Amino acid sequence: MAETNKLSVEKALQKLLRDEPVETASEQRDERAEALREEIKRMRAQRSRLERSPGKGK
């Protein structure tokens, strides 16, 4: 049988975390800003649809 190398949980986690790309603060800020822009776009579209509707519920 082939021999397998066993890692401790701590070492395995360290290896996984080391392999993941680290986002800089500016990248995180850019992602958050993009998410907010998408939310604003969605809300404007929703408002536009509501304003065009023929006054239901008034």
N, C-alpha and C. Protein backbone atom coordinates (compact mmCIF):
# COMPACT_ATOMS: atom_id res chain seq x y z
N MET A 1 0.84 -1.19 0.00
CA MET A 1 0.00 0.00 0.00
C MET A 1 0.88 1.25 0.00
N ALA A 2 0.34 2.28 -0.56
CA ALA A 2 1.07 3.55 -0.58
C ALA A 2 1.00 4.20 0.78
N GLU A 3 2.09 4.80 1.15
CA GLU A 3 2.14 5.48 2.45
C GLU A 3 1.53 6.87 2.32
N THR A 4 0.68 7.25 3.26
CA THR A 4 0.06 8.57 3.23
C THR A 4 0.65 9.42 4.34
N ASN A 5 0.83 10.68 4.05
CA ASN A 5 1.33 11.62 5.06
C ASN A 5 0.14 12.22 5.78
N LYS A 6 0.19 12.17 7.09
CA LYS A 6 -0.89 12.73 7.89
C LYS A 6 -0.45 14.07 8.46
N LEU A 7 -1.33 15.06 8.33
CA LEU A 7 -1.08 16.39 8.90
C LEU A 7 -1.98 16.60 10.09
N SER A 8 -1.53 17.38 11.03
CA SER A 8 -2.41 17.75 12.12
C SER A 8 -3.45 18.73 11.57
N VAL A 9 -4.53 18.85 12.25
CA VAL A 9 -5.60 19.77 11.82
C VAL A 9 -5.05 21.18 11.72
N GLU A 10 -4.27 21.59 12.68
CA GLU A 10 -3.71 22.94 12.69
C GLU A 10 -2.83 23.17 11.46
N LYS A 11 -1.96 22.24 11.14
CA LYS A 11 -1.08 22.38 9.98
C LYS A 11 -1.87 22.37 8.68
N ALA A 12 -2.91 21.54 8.62
CA ALA A 12 -3.75 21.49 7.42
C ALA A 12 -4.46 22.82 7.20
N LEU A 13 -4.98 23.40 8.27
CA LEU A 13 -5.66 24.70 8.17
C LEU A 13 -4.68 25.79 7.76
N GLN A 14 -3.50 25.77 8.33
CA GLN A 14 -2.49 26.76 7.96
C GLN A 14 -2.14 26.65 6.48
N LYS A 15 -2.03 25.45 5.99
CA LYS A 15 -1.70 25.24 4.58
C LYS A 15 -2.83 25.74 3.69
N LEU A 16 -4.07 25.45 4.07
CA LEU A 16 -5.21 25.92 3.28
C LEU A 16 -5.29 27.45 3.29
N LEU A 17 -5.11 28.04 4.44
CA LEU A 17 -5.20 29.50 4.55
C LEU A 17 -4.07 30.17 3.80
N ARG A 18 -2.93 29.58 3.78
CA ARG A 18 -1.78 30.14 3.08
C ARG A 18 -2.02 30.11 1.57
N ASP A 19 -2.72 29.08 1.08
CA ASP A 19 -2.97 28.93 -0.34
C ASP A 19 -4.07 29.87 -0.85
N GLU A 20 -4.93 30.37 0.04
CA GLU A 20 -6.00 31.27 -0.38
C GLU A 20 -5.44 32.66 -0.64
N PRO A 21 -5.91 33.31 -1.70
CA PRO A 21 -5.45 34.67 -1.96
C PRO A 21 -6.00 35.63 -0.89
N VAL A 22 -5.16 36.52 -0.46
CA VAL A 22 -5.55 37.49 0.56
C VAL A 22 -6.00 38.76 -0.13
N GLU A 23 -7.20 39.22 0.21
CA GLU A 23 -7.71 40.45 -0.38
C GLU A 23 -7.18 41.64 0.39
N THR A 24 -6.81 42.65 -0.34
CA THR A 24 -6.36 43.86 0.31
C THR A 24 -7.59 44.67 0.74
N ALA A 25 -7.37 45.65 1.57
CA ALA A 25 -8.46 46.48 2.04
C ALA A 25 -9.13 47.20 0.87
N SER A 26 -8.34 47.63 -0.10
CA SER A 26 -8.94 48.34 -1.24
C SER A 26 -9.78 47.39 -2.09
N GLU A 27 -9.37 46.13 -2.22
CA GLU A 27 -10.17 45.16 -2.97
C GLU A 27 -11.50 44.90 -2.26
N GLN A 28 -11.45 44.79 -0.94
CA GLN A 28 -12.67 44.58 -0.17
C GLN A 28 -13.60 45.79 -0.31
N ARG A 29 -13.02 46.98 -0.27
CA ARG A 29 -13.80 48.22 -0.41
C ARG A 29 -14.42 48.29 -1.80
N ASP A 30 -13.66 47.90 -2.82
CA ASP A 30 -14.18 47.91 -4.19
C ASP A 30 -15.35 46.93 -4.35
N GLU A 31 -15.22 45.75 -3.76
CA GLU A 31 -16.30 44.77 -3.84
C GLU A 31 -17.55 45.28 -3.14
N ARG A 32 -17.37 45.90 -1.99
CA ARG A 32 -18.51 46.45 -1.23
C ARG A 32 -19.17 47.58 -2.03
N ALA A 33 -18.36 48.44 -2.64
CA ALA A 33 -18.90 49.54 -3.43
C ALA A 33 -19.68 49.01 -4.63
N GLU A 34 -19.16 47.98 -5.27
CA GLU A 34 -19.86 47.37 -6.42
C GLU A 34 -21.19 46.77 -5.98
N ALA A 35 -21.20 46.10 -4.83
CA ALA A 35 -22.44 45.53 -4.31
C ALA A 35 -23.46 46.63 -4.03
N LEU A 36 -23.00 47.76 -3.47
CA LEU A 36 -23.90 48.87 -3.21
C LEU A 36 -24.44 49.48 -4.50
N ARG A 37 -23.57 49.59 -5.52
CA ARG A 37 -24.03 50.10 -6.82
C ARG A 37 -25.11 49.20 -7.41
N GLU A 38 -24.93 47.90 -7.30
CA GLU A 38 -25.94 46.95 -7.80
C GLU A 38 -27.25 47.09 -7.03
N GLU A 39 -27.15 47.27 -5.73
CA GLU A 39 -28.36 47.44 -4.91
C GLU A 39 -29.09 48.72 -5.28
N ILE A 40 -28.36 49.80 -5.50
CA ILE A 40 -28.97 51.07 -5.91
C ILE A 40 -29.66 50.90 -7.26
N LYS A 41 -29.01 50.23 -8.18
CA LYS A 41 -29.58 49.98 -9.50
C LYS A 41 -30.89 49.20 -9.38
N ARG A 42 -30.88 48.16 -8.54
CA ARG A 42 -32.09 47.35 -8.33
C ARG A 42 -33.22 48.18 -7.73
N MET A 43 -32.89 49.01 -6.74
CA MET A 43 -33.91 49.82 -6.07
C MET A 43 -34.48 50.88 -7.02
N ARG A 44 -33.65 51.47 -7.87
CA ARG A 44 -34.15 52.45 -8.84
C ARG A 44 -35.09 51.80 -9.83
N ALA A 45 -34.76 50.60 -10.28
CA ALA A 45 -35.62 49.87 -11.21
C ALA A 45 -36.96 49.55 -10.54
N GLN A 46 -36.90 49.15 -9.29
CA GLN A 46 -38.12 48.83 -8.55
C GLN A 46 -38.98 50.08 -8.38
N ARG A 47 -38.37 51.20 -8.02
CA ARG A 47 -39.10 52.45 -7.86
C ARG A 47 -39.74 52.87 -9.18
N SER A 48 -39.00 52.71 -10.27
CA SER A 48 -39.53 53.05 -11.58
C SER A 48 -40.76 52.20 -11.91
N ARG A 49 -40.69 50.91 -11.62
CA ARG A 49 -41.84 50.03 -11.88
C ARG A 49 -43.03 50.46 -11.02
N LEU A 50 -42.78 50.80 -9.77
CA LEU A 50 -43.86 51.19 -8.87
C LEU A 50 -44.50 52.51 -9.31
N GLU A 51 -43.68 53.44 -9.78
CA GLU A 51 -44.22 54.73 -10.22
C GLU A 51 -45.04 54.58 -11.50
N ARG A 52 -44.72 53.60 -12.34
CA ARG A 52 -45.46 53.38 -13.57
C ARG A 52 -46.74 52.60 -13.34
N SER A 53 -46.83 51.89 -12.22
CA SER A 53 -48.04 51.07 -11.98
C SER A 53 -49.23 52.00 -11.80
N PRO A 54 -50.43 51.55 -12.21
CA PRO A 54 -51.64 52.40 -12.18
C PRO A 54 -52.26 52.56 -10.80
N GLY A 55 -51.48 53.00 -9.83
CA GLY A 55 -51.99 53.37 -8.50
C GLY A 55 -52.72 52.29 -7.76
N LYS A 56 -52.27 51.10 -7.81
CA LYS A 56 -52.91 50.01 -7.07
C LYS A 56 -52.74 50.25 -5.57
N GLY A 57 -53.81 50.02 -4.84
CA GLY A 57 -53.74 50.14 -3.40
C GLY A 57 -53.83 51.55 -2.86
N LYS A 58 -54.10 52.52 -3.70
CA LYS A 58 -54.22 53.91 -3.22
C LYS A 58 -55.65 54.27 -2.96
